[in-house]
Amino acid sequence: DLEWSGTSTGSVEIYRDSGLLISVPDSGSYTDNTGNKGGRTYLYQVCEAGTNNCSAIETIVF
């Protein structure tokens, strides 16, 4: 699960490997069901929707 806090726009954009994955209401968490296991690496970033206010890029290994 991805988790975040400190946003104020009501919705966020979640990026995976530099591409927009999904825009969702700001619930503070999101589960990305990639279906991949066994060492696959992804880069994630969460941004306030419609802004350049983004988290640091996080590396996640499944």
C-alpha atoms as a PDB file:
ATOM      1  CA  ASP A   1       0.000   0.000   0.000  1.00  0.00           C
ATOM      2  CA  LEU A   2       1.086   3.561  -0.695  1.00  0.00           C
ATOM      3  CA  GLU A   3       0.406   5.999   2.134  1.00  0.00           C
ATOM      4  CA  TRP A   4       0.749   9.780   2.329  1.00  0.00           C
ATOM      5  CA  SER A   5      -0.386  12.813   4.309  1.00  0.00           C
ATOM      6  CA  GLY A   6      -0.286  16.589   4.099  1.00  0.00           C
ATOM      7  CA  THR A   7      -2.268  17.135   0.902  1.00  0.00           C
ATOM      8  CA  SER A   8      -4.983  19.777   0.619  1.00  0.00           C
ATOM      9  CA  THR A   9      -6.581  19.496  -2.835  1.00  0.00           C
ATOM     10  CA  GLY A  10      -9.070  16.693  -2.154  1.00  0.00           C
ATOM     11  CA  SER A  11      -7.577  14.429  -4.799  1.00  0.00           C
ATOM     12  CA  VAL A  12      -4.145  13.144  -5.742  1.00  0.00           C
ATOM     13  CA  GLU A  13      -2.392  11.850  -8.828  1.00  0.00           C
ATOM     14  CA  ILE A  14      -0.305   8.731  -8.384  1.00  0.00           C
ATOM     15  CA  TYR A  15       2.605   8.178 -10.748  1.00  0.00           C
ATOM     16  CA  ARG A  16       4.363   4.864 -11.356  1.00  0.00           C
ATOM     17  CA  ASP A  17       7.625   4.826 -13.315  1.00  0.00           C
ATOM     18  CA  SER A  18       7.093   8.500 -14.321  1.00  0.00           C
ATOM     19  CA  GLY A  19       3.669   7.885 -15.906  1.00  0.00           C
ATOM     20  CA  LEU A  20       0.303   8.825 -14.442  1.00  0.00           C
ATOM     21  CA  LEU A  21      -1.180   5.679 -12.933  1.00  0.00           C
ATOM     22  CA  ILE A  22      -4.437   7.035 -11.497  1.00  0.00           C
ATOM     23  CA  SER A  23      -6.172  10.084 -10.038  1.00  0.00           C
ATOM     24  CA  VAL A  24      -8.037   9.265  -6.824  1.00  0.00           C
ATOM     25  CA  PRO A  25      -9.807  11.045  -3.960  1.00  0.00           C
ATOM     26  CA  ASP A  26      -7.331  11.892  -1.210  1.00  0.00           C
ATOM     27  CA  SER A  27      -7.938   9.069   1.259  1.00  0.00           C
ATOM     28  CA  GLY A  28      -4.287   8.944   2.367  1.00  0.00           C
ATOM     29  CA  SER A  29      -3.632   5.509   0.877  1.00  0.00           C
ATOM     30  CA  TYR A  30      -3.826   3.494  -2.328  1.00  0.00           C
ATOM     31  CA  THR A  31      -3.218  -0.165  -3.179  1.00  0.00           C
ATOM     32  CA  ASP A  32      -1.603  -0.799  -6.561  1.00  0.00           C
ATOM     33  CA  ASN A  33      -2.394  -4.345  -7.640  1.00  0.00           C
ATOM     34  CA  THR A  34       0.397  -4.853 -10.160  1.00  0.00           C
ATOM     35  CA  GLY A  35       0.132  -8.633 -10.192  1.00  0.00           C
ATOM     36  CA  ASN A  36       3.933  -8.810 -10.218  1.00  0.00           C
ATOM     37  CA  LYS A  37       6.030 -10.513  -7.569  1.00  0.00           C
ATOM     38  CA  GLY A  38       9.601 -11.647  -7.226  1.00  0.00           C
ATOM     39  CA  GLY A  39      11.856  -8.612  -7.257  1.00  0.00           C
ATOM     40  CA  ARG A  40      10.164  -6.219  -9.682  1.00  0.00           C
ATOM     41  CA  THR A  41      11.045  -2.590  -8.888  1.00  0.00           C
ATOM     42  CA  TYR A  42       8.691   0.380  -9.354  1.00  0.00           C
ATOM     43  CA  LEU A  43       9.128   4.100  -8.770  1.00  0.00           C
ATOM     44  CA  TYR A  44       6.140   5.883  -7.193  1.00  0.00           C
ATOM     45  CA  GLN A  45       5.301   9.525  -6.619  1.00  0.00           C
ATOM     46  CA  VAL A  46       2.138  11.151  -5.224  1.00  0.00           C
ATOM     47  CA  CYS A  47       1.140  14.680  -6.296  1.00  0.00           C
ATOM     48  CA  GLU A  48      -1.684  16.986  -5.315  1.00  0.00           C
ATOM     49  CA  ALA A  49      -4.004  16.919  -8.324  1.00  0.00           C
ATOM     50  CA  GLY A  50      -3.387  19.730 -10.801  1.00  0.00           C
ATOM     51  CA  THR A  51      -0.232  20.969  -9.081  1.00  0.00           C
ATOM     52  CA  ASN A  52       3.507  20.411  -9.045  1.00  0.00           C
ATOM     53  CA  ASN A  53       3.368  19.743  -5.284  1.00  0.00           C
ATOM     54  CA  CYS A  54       4.681  16.180  -5.203  1.00  0.00           C
ATOM     55  CA  SER A  55       6.270  13.727  -2.833  1.00  0.00           C
ATOM     56  CA  ALA A  56       9.781  12.480  -3.273  1.00  0.00           C
ATOM     57  CA  ILE A  57      10.051   9.525  -5.650  1.00  0.00           C
ATOM     58  CA  GLU A  58       9.969   6.270  -3.703  1.00  0.00           C
ATOM     59  CA  THR A  59      11.412   2.968  -4.909  1.00  0.00           C
ATOM     60  CA  ILE A  60       9.283  -0.079  -4.092  1.00  0.00           C
ATOM     61  CA  VAL A  61      10.359  -3.687  -4.718  1.00  0.00           C
ATOM     62  CA  PHE A  62       7.697  -6.402  -4.967  1.00  0.00           C
END
